[in-house]
Amino acid sequence: LAAGNYTVRVGWMKSDTDVLGTAQLSIRDSSIVLPVQVPELPT
């Protein structure tokens, strides 16, 4: 899938209206380099 935010919806073929479950899915662009987290020094 292209980068973005999606909803995954699972339904029942016996009914056009019954949604049995949903979930959220995020796809990130593979070309984006995520910043490296540097541990912070104590106060």
Full PDB file with SEQRES, HELIX, SHEET, SSBOND, CRYST1, ORIGX, SCALE, CONECT and MASTER records, all heavy atoms in Angstrom:
SEQRES   1 A   43  LEU ALA ALA GLY ASN TYR THR VAL ARG VAL GLY TRP MET          
SEQRES   2 A   43  LYS SER ASP THR ASP VAL LEU GLY THR ALA GLN LEU SER          
SEQRES   3 A   43  ILE ARG ASP SER SER ILE VAL LEU PRO VAL GLN VAL PRO          
SEQRES   4 A   43  GLU LEU PRO THR                                              
SHEET    1 AA1 2 GLY A   4  GLY A  11  0                                        
SHEET    2 AA1 2 VAL A  19  ILE A  27 -1                                        
CRYST1    1.000    1.000    1.000  90.00  90.00  90.00 P 1           1          
ORIGX1      1.000000  0.000000  0.000000        0.00000                         
ORIGX2      0.000000  1.000000  0.000000        0.00000                         
ORIGX3      0.000000  0.000000  1.000000        0.00000                         
SCALE1      1.000000  0.000000  0.000000        0.00000                         
SCALE2      0.000000  1.000000  0.000000        0.00000                         
SCALE3      0.000000  0.000000  1.000000        0.00000                         
ATOM      1  N   LEU A   1       0.832  -1.200   0.000  1.00  0.00           N  
ATOM      2  CA  LEU A   1       0.000   0.000   0.000  1.00  0.00           C  
ATOM      3  C   LEU A   1       0.866   1.249   0.000  1.00  0.00           C  
ATOM      4  O   LEU A   1       2.002   1.241   0.476  1.00  0.00           O  
ATOM      5  CB  LEU A   1      -0.897   0.020   1.243  1.00  0.00           C  
ATOM      6  CG  LEU A   1      -1.955  -1.085   1.357  1.00  0.00           C  
ATOM      7  CD1 LEU A   1      -2.576  -1.073   2.752  1.00  0.00           C  
ATOM      8  CD2 LEU A   1      -3.027  -0.915   0.289  1.00  0.00           C  
ATOM      9  N   ALA A   2       0.294   2.338  -0.533  1.00  0.00           N  
ATOM     10  CA  ALA A   2       0.979   3.622  -0.489  1.00  0.00           C  
ATOM     11  C   ALA A   2       0.992   4.144   0.942  1.00  0.00           C  
ATOM     12  O   ALA A   2       0.178   3.743   1.784  1.00  0.00           O  
ATOM     13  CB  ALA A   2       0.278   4.618  -1.413  1.00  0.00           C  
ATOM     14  N   ALA A   3       1.932   5.050   1.213  1.00  0.00           N  
ATOM     15  CA  ALA A   3       2.022   5.625   2.556  1.00  0.00           C  
ATOM     16  C   ALA A   3       0.714   6.331   2.917  1.00  0.00           C  
ATOM     17  O   ALA A   3       0.101   7.012   2.078  1.00  0.00           O  
ATOM     18  CB  ALA A   3       3.191   6.593   2.629  1.00  0.00           C  
ATOM     19  N   GLY A   4       0.271   6.159   4.145  1.00  0.00           N  
ATOM     20  CA  GLY A   4      -0.966   6.787   4.590  1.00  0.00           C  
ATOM     21  C   GLY A   4      -1.578   6.023   5.743  1.00  0.00           C  
ATOM     22  O   GLY A   4      -1.007   5.055   6.259  1.00  0.00           O  
ATOM     23  N   ASN A   5      -2.763   6.442   6.128  1.00  0.00           N  
ATOM     24  CA  ASN A   5      -3.496   5.807   7.213  1.00  0.00           C  
ATOM     25  C   ASN A   5      -4.752   5.141   6.655  1.00  0.00           C  
ATOM     26  O   ASN A   5      -5.481   5.736   5.847  1.00  0.00           O  
ATOM     27  CB  ASN A   5      -3.886   6.835   8.286  1.00  0.00           C  
ATOM     28  CG  ASN A   5      -2.664   7.428   8.971  1.00  0.00           C  
ATOM     29  OD1 ASN A   5      -1.730   6.720   9.316  1.00  0.00           O  
ATOM     30  ND2 ASN A   5      -2.679   8.747   9.154  1.00  0.00           N  
ATOM     31  N   TYR A   6      -5.002   3.936   7.112  1.00  0.00           N  
ATOM     32  CA  TYR A   6      -6.088   3.135   6.561  1.00  0.00           C  
ATOM     33  C   TYR A   6      -6.932   2.526   7.677  1.00  0.00           C  
ATOM     34  O   TYR A   6      -6.468   2.353   8.812  1.00  0.00           O  
ATOM     35  CB  TYR A   6      -5.536   2.010   5.683  1.00  0.00           C  
ATOM     36  CG  TYR A   6      -4.717   2.484   4.502  1.00  0.00           C  
ATOM     37  CD1 TYR A   6      -3.347   2.699   4.630  1.00  0.00           C  
ATOM     38  CD2 TYR A   6      -5.312   2.707   3.273  1.00  0.00           C  
ATOM     39  CE1 TYR A   6      -2.590   3.125   3.554  1.00  0.00           C  
ATOM     40  CE2 TYR A   6      -4.565   3.128   2.184  1.00  0.00           C  
ATOM     41  CZ  TYR A   6      -3.205   3.348   2.329  1.00  0.00           C  
ATOM     42  OH  TYR A   6      -2.462   3.776   1.263  1.00  0.00           O  
ATOM     43  N   THR A   7      -8.182   2.178   7.313  1.00  0.00           N  
ATOM     44  CA  THR A   7      -9.053   1.388   8.175  1.00  0.00           C  
ATOM     45  C   THR A   7      -9.249   0.029   7.524  1.00  0.00           C  
ATOM     46  O   THR A   7      -9.571  -0.049   6.328  1.00  0.00           O  
ATOM     47  CB  THR A   7     -10.424   2.062   8.365  1.00  0.00           C  
ATOM     48  OG1 THR A   7     -10.241   3.309   9.040  1.00  0.00           O  
ATOM     49  CG2 THR A   7     -11.347   1.183   9.193  1.00  0.00           C  
ATOM     50  N   VAL A   8      -9.023  -1.028   8.293  1.00  0.00           N  
ATOM     51  CA  VAL A   8      -9.247  -2.389   7.810  1.00  0.00           C  
ATOM     52  C   VAL A   8     -10.583  -2.861   8.362  1.00  0.00           C  
ATOM     53  O   VAL A   8     -10.780  -2.906   9.579  1.00  0.00           O  
ATOM     54  CB  VAL A   8      -8.121  -3.342   8.265  1.00  0.00           C  
ATOM     55  CG1 VAL A   8      -8.350  -4.731   7.693  1.00  0.00           C  
ATOM     56  CG2 VAL A   8      -6.769  -2.804   7.830  1.00  0.00           C  
ATOM     57  N   ARG A   9     -11.494  -3.180   7.461  1.00  0.00           N  
ATOM     58  CA  ARG A   9     -12.839  -3.567   7.866  1.00  0.00           C  
ATOM     59  C   ARG A   9     -13.122  -4.991   7.377  1.00  0.00           C  
ATOM     60  O   ARG A   9     -12.941  -5.300   6.205  1.00  0.00           O  
ATOM     61  CB  ARG A   9     -13.858  -2.596   7.287  1.00  0.00           C  
ATOM     62  CG  ARG A   9     -15.313  -2.876   7.685  1.00  0.00           C  
ATOM     63  CD  ARG A   9     -16.232  -1.840   7.078  1.00  0.00           C  
ATOM     64  NE  ARG A   9     -15.931  -0.501   7.564  1.00  0.00           N  
ATOM     65  CZ  ARG A   9     -16.392   0.609   7.011  1.00  0.00           C  
ATOM     66  NH1 ARG A   9     -17.134   0.549   5.923  1.00  0.00           N  
ATOM     67  NH2 ARG A   9     -16.081   1.788   7.533  1.00  0.00           N  
ATOM     68  N   VAL A  10     -13.571  -5.849   8.299  1.00  0.00           N  
ATOM     69  CA  VAL A  10     -13.889  -7.238   7.951  1.00  0.00           C  
ATOM     70  C   VAL A  10     -15.388  -7.444   8.099  1.00  0.00           C  
ATOM     71  O   VAL A  10     -15.963  -7.189   9.170  1.00  0.00           O  
ATOM     72  CB  VAL A  10     -13.127  -8.234   8.849  1.00  0.00           C  
ATOM     73  CG1 VAL A  10     -13.443  -9.669   8.429  1.00  0.00           C  
ATOM     74  CG2 VAL A  10     -11.627  -7.979   8.773  1.00  0.00           C  
ATOM     75  N   GLY A  11     -16.024  -7.886   7.032  1.00  0.00           N  
ATOM     76  CA  GLY A  11     -17.465  -8.111   7.035  1.00  0.00           C  
ATOM     77  C   GLY A  11     -17.812  -9.553   6.745  1.00  0.00           C  
ATOM     78  O   GLY A  11     -16.947 -10.382   6.433  1.00  0.00           O  
ATOM     79  N   TRP A  12     -19.084  -9.846   6.824  1.00  0.00           N  
ATOM     80  CA  TRP A  12     -19.624 -11.189   6.648  1.00  0.00           C  
ATOM     81  C   TRP A  12     -20.316 -11.250   5.302  1.00  0.00           C  
ATOM     82  O   TRP A  12     -21.170 -10.418   5.001  1.00  0.00           O  
ATOM     83  CB  TRP A  12     -20.612 -11.449   7.777  1.00  0.00           C  
ATOM     84  CG  TRP A  12     -20.845 -12.859   8.143  1.00  0.00           C  
ATOM     85  CD1 TRP A  12     -20.036 -13.923   7.953  1.00  0.00           C  
ATOM     86  CD2 TRP A  12     -22.010 -13.363   8.807  1.00  0.00           C  
ATOM     87  NE1 TRP A  12     -20.594 -15.054   8.467  1.00  0.00           N  
ATOM     88  CE2 TRP A  12     -21.812 -14.743   9.002  1.00  0.00           C  
ATOM     89  CE3 TRP A  12     -23.181 -12.784   9.282  1.00  0.00           C  
ATOM     90  CZ2 TRP A  12     -22.749 -15.560   9.623  1.00  0.00           C  
ATOM     91  CZ3 TRP A  12     -24.113 -13.592   9.903  1.00  0.00           C  
ATOM     92  CH2 TRP A  12     -23.903 -14.961  10.073  1.00  0.00           C  
ATOM     93  N   MET A  13     -19.984 -12.234   4.474  1.00  0.00           N  
ATOM     94  CA  MET A  13     -20.576 -12.323   3.148  1.00  0.00           C  
ATOM     95  C   MET A  13     -22.069 -12.640   3.195  1.00  0.00           C  
ATOM     96  O   MET A  13     -22.788 -12.419   2.229  1.00  0.00           O  
ATOM     97  CB  MET A  13     -19.842 -13.387   2.332  1.00  0.00           C  
ATOM     98  CG  MET A  13     -18.415 -13.007   1.945  1.00  0.00           C  
ATOM     99  SD  MET A  13     -18.347 -11.493   0.953  1.00  0.00           S  
ATOM    100  CE  MET A  13     -19.195 -12.023  -0.523  1.00  0.00           C  
ATOM    101  N   LYS A  14     -22.564 -13.151   4.333  1.00  0.00           N  
ATOM    102  CA  LYS A  14     -23.992 -13.452   4.448  1.00  0.00           C  
ATOM    103  C   LYS A  14     -24.819 -12.189   4.635  1.00  0.00           C  
ATOM    104  O   LYS A  14     -26.050 -12.239   4.562  1.00  0.00           O  
ATOM    105  CB  LYS A  14     -24.234 -14.396   5.626  1.00  0.00           C  
ATOM    106  CG  LYS A  14     -23.713 -15.811   5.387  1.00  0.00           C  
ATOM    107  CD  LYS A  14     -24.001 -16.706   6.583  1.00  0.00           C  
ATOM    108  CE  LYS A  14     -23.492 -18.113   6.333  1.00  0.00           C  
ATOM    109  NZ  LYS A  14     -23.697 -19.014   7.497  1.00  0.00           N  
ATOM    110  N   SER A  15     -24.168 -11.076   4.930  1.00  0.00           N  
ATOM    111  CA  SER A  15     -24.889  -9.829   5.154  1.00  0.00           C  
ATOM    112  C   SER A  15     -24.086  -8.666   4.605  1.00  0.00           C  
ATOM    113  O   SER A  15     -22.873  -8.601   4.771  1.00  0.00           O  
ATOM    114  CB  SER A  15     -25.135  -9.628   6.658  1.00  0.00           C  
ATOM    115  OG  SER A  15     -25.652  -8.342   6.901  1.00  0.00           O  
ATOM    116  N   ASP A  16     -24.763  -7.759   3.925  1.00  0.00           N  
ATOM    117  CA  ASP A  16     -24.093  -6.577   3.372  1.00  0.00           C  
ATOM    118  C   ASP A  16     -23.867  -5.511   4.435  1.00  0.00           C  
ATOM    119  O   ASP A  16     -23.117  -4.560   4.212  1.00  0.00           O  
ATOM    120  CB  ASP A  16     -24.927  -5.977   2.232  1.00  0.00           C  
ATOM    121  CG  ASP A  16     -25.016  -6.917   1.034  1.00  0.00           C  
ATOM    122  OD1 ASP A  16     -24.076  -7.711   0.837  1.00  0.00           O  
ATOM    123  OD2 ASP A  16     -26.029  -6.858   0.309  1.00  0.00           O  
ATOM    124  N   THR A  17     -24.517  -5.651   5.576  1.00  0.00           N  
ATOM    125  CA  THR A  17     -24.442  -4.594   6.589  1.00  0.00           C  
ATOM    126  C   THR A  17     -23.618  -4.981   7.815  1.00  0.00           C  
ATOM    127  O   THR A  17     -23.195  -4.110   8.560  1.00  0.00           O  
ATOM    128  CB  THR A  17     -25.864  -4.204   7.054  1.00  0.00           C  
ATOM    129  OG1 THR A  17     -26.521  -5.364   7.581  1.00  0.00           O  
ATOM    130  CG2 THR A  17     -26.688  -3.667   5.892  1.00  0.00           C  
ATOM    131  N   ASP A  18     -23.419  -6.269   8.056  1.00  0.00           N  
ATOM    132  CA  ASP A  18     -22.708  -6.698   9.262  1.00  0.00           C  
ATOM    133  C   ASP A  18     -21.209  -6.479   9.123  1.00  0.00           C  
ATOM    134  O   ASP A  18     -20.549  -7.078   8.266  1.00  0.00           O  
ATOM    135  CB  ASP A  18     -22.963  -8.180   9.548  1.00  0.00           C  
ATOM    136  CG  ASP A  18     -24.347  -8.419  10.134  1.00  0.00           C  
ATOM    137  OD1 ASP A  18     -24.976  -7.424  10.528  1.00  0.00           O  
ATOM    138  OD2 ASP A  18     -24.792  -9.569  10.191  1.00  0.00           O  
ATOM    139  N   VAL A  19     -20.666  -5.590   9.946  1.00  0.00           N  
ATOM    140  CA  VAL A  19     -19.221  -5.397  10.053  1.00  0.00           C  
ATOM    141  C   VAL A  19     -18.784  -6.114  11.324  1.00  0.00           C  
ATOM    142  O   VAL A  19     -19.183  -5.759  12.423  1.00  0.00           O  
ATOM    143  CB  VAL A  19     -18.851  -3.902  10.113  1.00  0.00           C  
ATOM    144  CG1 VAL A  19     -17.350  -3.748  10.309  1.00  0.00           C  
ATOM    145  CG2 VAL A  19     -19.301  -3.199   8.849  1.00  0.00           C  
ATOM    146  N   LEU A  20     -17.966  -7.135  11.166  1.00  0.00           N  
ATOM    147  CA  LEU A  20     -17.616  -7.995  12.291  1.00  0.00           C  
ATOM    148  C   LEU A  20     -16.403  -7.495  13.061  1.00  0.00           C  
ATOM    149  O   LEU A  20     -16.204  -7.875  14.210  1.00  0.00           O  
ATOM    150  CB  LEU A  20     -17.366  -9.424  11.803  1.00  0.00           C  
ATOM    151  CG  LEU A  20     -18.495 -10.053  10.963  1.00  0.00           C  
ATOM    152  CD1 LEU A  20     -18.155 -11.496  10.634  1.00  0.00           C  
ATOM    153  CD2 LEU A  20     -19.818  -9.970  11.689  1.00  0.00           C  
ATOM    154  N   GLY A  21     -15.577  -6.648  12.438  1.00  0.00           N  
ATOM    155  CA  GLY A  21     -14.398  -6.150  13.128  1.00  0.00           C  
ATOM    156  C   GLY A  21     -13.682  -5.087  12.314  1.00  0.00           C  
ATOM    157  O   GLY A  21     -13.719  -5.114  11.075  1.00  0.00           O  
ATOM    158  N   THR A  22     -13.039  -4.131  12.994  1.00  0.00           N  
ATOM    159  CA  THR A  22     -12.268  -3.082  12.326  1.00  0.00           C  
ATOM    160  C   THR A  22     -10.948  -2.874  13.057  1.00  0.00           C  
ATOM    161  O   THR A  22     -10.828  -3.148  14.250  1.00  0.00           O  
ATOM    162  CB  THR A  22     -13.037  -1.744  12.285  1.00  0.00           C  
ATOM    163  OG1 THR A  22     -13.328  -1.336  13.626  1.00  0.00           O  
ATOM    164  CG2 THR A  22     -14.321  -1.868  11.486  1.00  0.00           C  
ATOM    165  N   ALA A  23      -9.968  -2.364  12.313  1.00  0.00           N  
ATOM    166  CA  ALA A  23      -8.660  -2.044  12.895  1.00  0.00           C  
ATOM    167  C   ALA A  23      -8.057  -0.899  12.090  1.00  0.00           C  
ATOM    168  O   ALA A  23      -8.456  -0.624  10.948  1.00  0.00           O  
ATOM    169  CB  ALA A  23      -7.733  -3.259  12.873  1.00  0.00           C  
ATOM    170  N   GLN A  24      -7.086  -0.212  12.691  1.00  0.00           N  
ATOM    171  CA  GLN A  24      -6.393   0.891  12.043  1.00  0.00           C  
ATOM    172  C   GLN A  24      -5.013   0.417  11.581  1.00  0.00           C  
ATOM    173  O   GLN A  24      -4.351  -0.353  12.279  1.00  0.00           O  
ATOM    174  CB  GLN A  24      -6.251   2.078  12.992  1.00  0.00           C  
ATOM    175  CG  GLN A  24      -7.542   2.492  13.673  1.00  0.00           C  
ATOM    176  CD  GLN A  24      -8.681   2.768  12.707  1.00  0.00           C  
ATOM    177  OE1 GLN A  24      -8.491   3.437  11.696  1.00  0.00           O  
ATOM    178  NE2 GLN A  24      -9.858   2.237  13.003  1.00  0.00           N  
ATOM    179  N   LEU A  25      -4.590   0.893  10.414  1.00  0.00           N  
ATOM    180  CA  LEU A  25      -3.301   0.492   9.844  1.00  0.00           C  
ATOM    181  C   LEU A  25      -2.599   1.716   9.264  1.00  0.00           C  
ATOM    182  O   LEU A  25      -3.198   2.465   8.484  1.00  0.00           O  
ATOM    183  CB  LEU A  25      -3.493  -0.564   8.761  1.00  0.00           C  
ATOM    184  CG  LEU A  25      -2.247  -0.991   7.981  1.00  0.00           C  
ATOM    185  CD1 LEU A  25      -1.244  -1.680   8.902  1.00  0.00           C  
ATOM    186  CD2 LEU A  25      -2.619  -1.907   6.825  1.00  0.00           C  
ATOM    187  N   SER A  26      -1.333   1.913   9.638  1.00  0.00           N  
ATOM    188  CA  SER A  26      -0.523   3.008   9.084  1.00  0.00           C  
ATOM    189  C   SER A  26       0.605   2.430   8.240  1.00  0.00           C  
ATOM    190  O   SER A  26       1.254   1.459   8.649  1.00  0.00           O  
ATOM    191  CB  SER A  26       0.059   3.865  10.219  1.00  0.00           C  
ATOM    192  OG  SER A  26      -0.976   4.519  10.933  1.00  0.00           O  
ATOM    193  N   ILE A  27       0.822   3.067   7.083  1.00  0.00           N  
ATOM    194  CA  ILE A  27       1.913   2.684   6.190  1.00  0.00           C  
ATOM    195  C   ILE A  27       2.851   3.888   6.073  1.00  0.00           C  
ATOM    196  O   ILE A  27       2.423   4.989   5.686  1.00  0.00           O  
ATOM    197  CB  ILE A  27       1.405   2.291   4.778  1.00  0.00           C  
ATOM    198  CG1 ILE A  27       0.314   1.212   4.894  1.00  0.00           C  
ATOM    199  CG2 ILE A  27       2.554   1.813   3.916  1.00  0.00           C  
ATOM    200  CD1 ILE A  27       0.791  -0.098   5.443  1.00  0.00           C  
ATOM    201  N   ARG A  28       4.140   3.711   6.406  1.00  0.00           N  
ATOM    202  CA  ARG A  28       5.096   4.813   6.296  1.00  0.00           C  
ATOM    203  C   ARG A  28       5.926   4.646   5.037  1.00  0.00           C  
ATOM    204  O   ARG A  28       6.143   3.540   4.533  1.00  0.00           O  
ATOM    205  CB  ARG A  28       6.000   4.863   7.534  1.00  0.00           C  
ATOM    206  CG  ARG A  28       6.908   3.670   7.709  1.00  0.00           C  
ATOM    207  CD  ARG A  28       7.977   3.932   8.765  1.00  0.00           C  
ATOM    208  NE  ARG A  28       8.785   2.749   8.995  1.00  0.00           N  
ATOM    209  CZ  ARG A  28       8.769   2.019  10.093  1.00  0.00           C  
ATOM    210  NH1 ARG A  28       7.958   2.350  11.082  1.00  0.00           N  
ATOM    211  NH2 ARG A  28       9.545   0.955  10.223  1.00  0.00           N  
ATOM    212  N   ASP A  29       6.412   5.767   4.526  1.00  0.00           N  
ATOM    213  CA  ASP A  29       7.233   5.778   3.312  1.00  0.00           C  
ATOM    214  C   ASP A  29       8.605   5.195   3.631  1.00  0.00           C  
ATOM    215  O   ASP A  29       9.286   5.630   4.561  1.00  0.00           O  
ATOM    216  CB  ASP A  29       7.367   7.211   2.797  1.00  0.00           C  
ATOM    217  CG  ASP A  29       7.901   7.266   1.368  1.00  0.00           C  
ATOM    218  OD1 ASP A  29       8.654   6.353   0.987  1.00  0.00           O  
ATOM    219  OD2 ASP A  29       7.545   8.218   0.657  1.00  0.00           O  
ATOM    220  N   SER A  30       9.037   4.237   2.830  1.00  0.00           N  
ATOM    221  CA  SER A  30      10.325   3.576   3.082  1.00  0.00           C  
ATOM    222  C   SER A  30      11.505   4.509   2.832  1.00  0.00           C  
ATOM    223  O   SER A  30      12.614   4.247   3.314  1.00  0.00           O  
ATOM    224  CB  SER A  30      10.462   2.341   2.189  1.00  0.00           C  
ATOM    225  OG  SER A  30      10.373   2.706   0.814  1.00  0.00           O  
ATOM    226  N   SER A  31      11.305   5.621   2.071  1.00  0.00           N  
ATOM    227  CA  SER A  31      12.413   6.545   1.771  1.00  0.00           C  
ATOM    228  C   SER A  31      12.691   7.511   2.909  1.00  0.00           C  
ATOM    229  O   SER A  31      13.702   8.202   2.908  1.00  0.00           O  
ATOM    230  CB  SER A  31      12.099   7.344   0.507  1.00  0.00           C  
ATOM    231  OG  SER A  31      10.947   8.162   0.698  1.00  0.00           O  
ATOM    232  N   ILE A  32      11.797   7.595   3.870  1.00  0.00           N  
ATOM    233  CA  ILE A  32      11.990   8.506   4.999  1.00  0.00           C  
ATOM    234  C   ILE A  32      12.848   7.834   6.050  1.00  0.00           C  
ATOM    235  O   ILE A  32      12.532   6.737   6.527  1.00  0.00           O  
ATOM    236  CB  ILE A  32      10.636   8.920   5.601  1.00  0.00           C  
ATOM    237  CG1 ILE A  32       9.789   9.672   4.564  1.00  0.00           C  
ATOM    238  CG2 ILE A  32      10.831   9.765   6.851  1.00  0.00           C  
ATOM    239  CD1 ILE A  32       8.414  10.036   5.051  1.00  0.00           C  
ATOM    240  N   VAL A  33      13.979   8.478   6.382  1.00  0.00           N  
ATOM    241  CA  VAL A  33      14.880   7.950   7.401  1.00  0.00           C  
ATOM    242  C   VAL A  33      14.437   8.487   8.747  1.00  0.00           C  
ATOM    243  O   VAL A  33      14.388   9.705   8.963  1.00  0.00           O  
ATOM    244  CB  VAL A  33      16.349   8.342   7.123  1.00  0.00           C  
ATOM    245  CG1 VAL A  33      17.260   7.798   8.219  1.00  0.00           C  
ATOM    246  CG2 VAL A  33      16.775   7.837   5.759  1.00  0.00           C  
ATOM    247  N   LEU A  34      14.113   7.614   9.617  1.00  0.00           N  
ATOM    248  CA  LEU A  34      13.652   8.035  10.935  1.00  0.00           C  
ATOM    249  C   LEU A  34      14.817   8.537  11.767  1.00  0.00           C  
ATOM    250  O   LEU A  34      15.915   7.965  11.735  1.00  0.00           O  
ATOM    251  CB  LEU A  34      12.972   6.858  11.651  1.00  0.00           C  
ATOM    252  CG  LEU A  34      11.689   6.331  10.984  1.00  0.00           C  
ATOM    253  CD1 LEU A  34      11.150   5.147  11.767  1.00  0.00           C  
ATOM    254  CD2 LEU A  34      10.640   7.423  10.882  1.00  0.00           C  
ATOM    255  N   PRO A  35      14.666   9.631  12.501  1.00  0.00           N  
ATOM    256  CA  PRO A  35      15.758  10.152  13.331  1.00  0.00           C  
ATOM    257  C   PRO A  35      16.146   9.160  14.417  1.00  0.00           C  
ATOM    258  O   PRO A  35      15.298   8.451  14.949  1.00  0.00           O  
ATOM    259  CB  PRO A  35      15.155  11.433  13.939  1.00  0.00           C  
ATOM    260  CG  PRO A  35      13.669  11.202  13.891  1.00  0.00           C  
ATOM    261  CD  PRO A  35      13.423  10.399  12.656  1.00  0.00           C  
ATOM    262  N   VAL A  36      17.452   9.133  14.681  1.00  0.00           N  
ATOM    263  CA  VAL A  36      17.964   8.252  15.724  1.00  0.00           C  
ATOM    264  C   VAL A  36      17.774   8.929  17.068  1.00  0.00           C  
ATOM    265  O   VAL A  36      18.152  10.097  17.254  1.00  0.00           O  
ATOM    266  CB  VAL A  36      19.460   7.927  15.484  1.00  0.00           C  
ATOM    267  CG1 VAL A  36      19.985   7.045  16.620  1.00  0.00           C  
ATOM    268  CG2 VAL A  36      19.635   7.257  14.139  1.00  0.00           C  
ATOM    269  N   GLN A  37      17.200   8.242  17.956  1.00  0.00           N  
ATOM    270  CA  GLN A  37      16.961   8.799  19.279  1.00  0.00           C  
ATOM    271  C   GLN A  37      18.254   8.788  20.093  1.00  0.00           C  
ATOM    272  O   GLN A  37      18.873   7.741  20.288  1.00  0.00           O  
ATOM    273  CB  GLN A  37      15.891   7.966  20.011  1.00  0.00           C  
ATOM    274  CG  GLN A  37      14.509   8.022  19.358  1.00  0.00           C  
ATOM    275  CD  GLN A  37      13.865   9.381  19.549  1.00  0.00           C  
ATOM    276  OE1 GLN A  37      14.225  10.123  20.469  1.00  0.00           O  
ATOM    277  NE2 GLN A  37      12.925   9.717  18.678  1.00  0.00           N  
ATOM    278  N   VAL A  38      18.708   9.967  20.542  1.00  0.00           N  
ATOM    279  CA  VAL A  38      19.908  10.089  21.368  1.00  0.00           C  
ATOM    280  C   VAL A  38      19.479  10.170  22.820  1.00  0.00           C  
ATOM    281  O   VAL A  38      18.646  11.014  23.175  1.00  0.00           O  
ATOM    282  CB  VAL A  38      20.714  11.352  20.994  1.00  0.00           C  
ATOM    283  CG1 VAL A  38      21.943  11.479  21.889  1.00  0.00           C  
ATOM    284  CG2 VAL A  38      21.109  11.300  19.532  1.00  0.00           C  
ATOM    285  N   PRO A  39      20.009   9.320  23.650  1.00  0.00           N  
ATOM    286  CA  PRO A  39      19.594   9.352  25.063  1.00  0.00           C  
ATOM    287  C   PRO A  39      19.875  10.713  25.696  1.00  0.00           C  
ATOM    288  O   PRO A  39      20.928  11.320  25.471  1.00  0.00           O  
ATOM    289  CB  PRO A  39      20.460   8.261  25.702  1.00  0.00           C  
ATOM    290  CG  PRO A  39      20.869   7.380  24.567  1.00  0.00           C  
ATOM    291  CD  PRO A  39      20.996   8.268  23.390  1.00  0.00           C  
ATOM    292  N   GLU A  40      18.923  11.220  26.406  1.00  0.00           N  
ATOM    293  CA  GLU A  40      19.086  12.509  27.072  1.00  0.00           C  
ATOM    294  C   GLU A  40      19.883  12.341  28.363  1.00  0.00           C  
ATOM    295  O   GLU A  40      19.776  11.341  29.064  1.00  0.00           O  
ATOM    296  CB  GLU A  40      17.716  13.104  27.393  1.00  0.00           C  
ATOM    297  CG  GLU A  40      16.892  13.471  26.157  1.00  0.00           C  
ATOM    298  CD  GLU A  40      15.584  14.122  26.532  1.00  0.00           C  
ATOM    299  OE1 GLU A  40      15.354  14.313  27.755  1.00  0.00           O  
ATOM    300  OE2 GLU A  40      14.803  14.444  25.628  1.00  0.00           O  
ATOM    301  N   LEU A  41      20.754  13.377  28.641  1.00  0.00           N  
ATOM    302  CA  LEU A  41      21.529  13.373  29.881  1.00  0.00           C  
ATOM    303  C   LEU A  41      20.638  13.774  31.047  1.00  0.00           C  
ATOM    304  O   LEU A  41      19.656  14.511  30.862  1.00  0.00           O  
ATOM    305  CB  LEU A  41      22.687  14.371  29.778  1.00  0.00           C  
ATOM    306  CG  LEU A  41      23.763  14.043  28.732  1.00  0.00           C  
ATOM    307  CD1 LEU A  41      24.749  15.177  28.647  1.00  0.00           C  
ATOM    308  CD2 LEU A  41      24.458  12.737  29.070  1.00  0.00           C  
ATOM    309  N   PRO A  42      20.931  13.263  32.207  1.00  0.00           N  
ATOM    310  CA  PRO A  42      20.133  13.653  33.376  1.00  0.00           C  
ATOM    311  C   PRO A  42      20.159  15.160  33.582  1.00  0.00           C  
ATOM    312  O   PRO A  42      21.099  15.857  33.184  1.00  0.00           O  
ATOM    313  CB  PRO A  42      20.826  12.914  34.532  1.00  0.00           C  
ATOM    314  CG  PRO A  42      21.569  11.791  33.881  1.00  0.00           C  
ATOM    315  CD  PRO A  42      21.977  12.289  32.533  1.00  0.00           C  
ATOM    316  N   THR A  43      19.142  15.666  34.197  1.00  0.00           N  
ATOM    317  CA  THR A  43      19.033  17.105  34.457  1.00  0.00           C  
ATOM    318  C   THR A  43      20.236  17.609  35.261  1.00  0.00           C  
ATOM    319  O   THR A  43      20.629  17.004  36.255  1.00  0.00           O  
ATOM    320  CB  THR A  43      17.740  17.398  35.238  1.00  0.00           C  
ATOM    321  OG1 THR A  43      16.638  16.869  34.516  1.00  0.00           O  
ATOM    322  CG2 THR A  43      17.553  18.896  35.431  1.00  0.00           C  
TER     323      THR A  43                                                      
MASTER        0    0    0    0    2    0    0    6  322    1    0    4          
END                                                                             
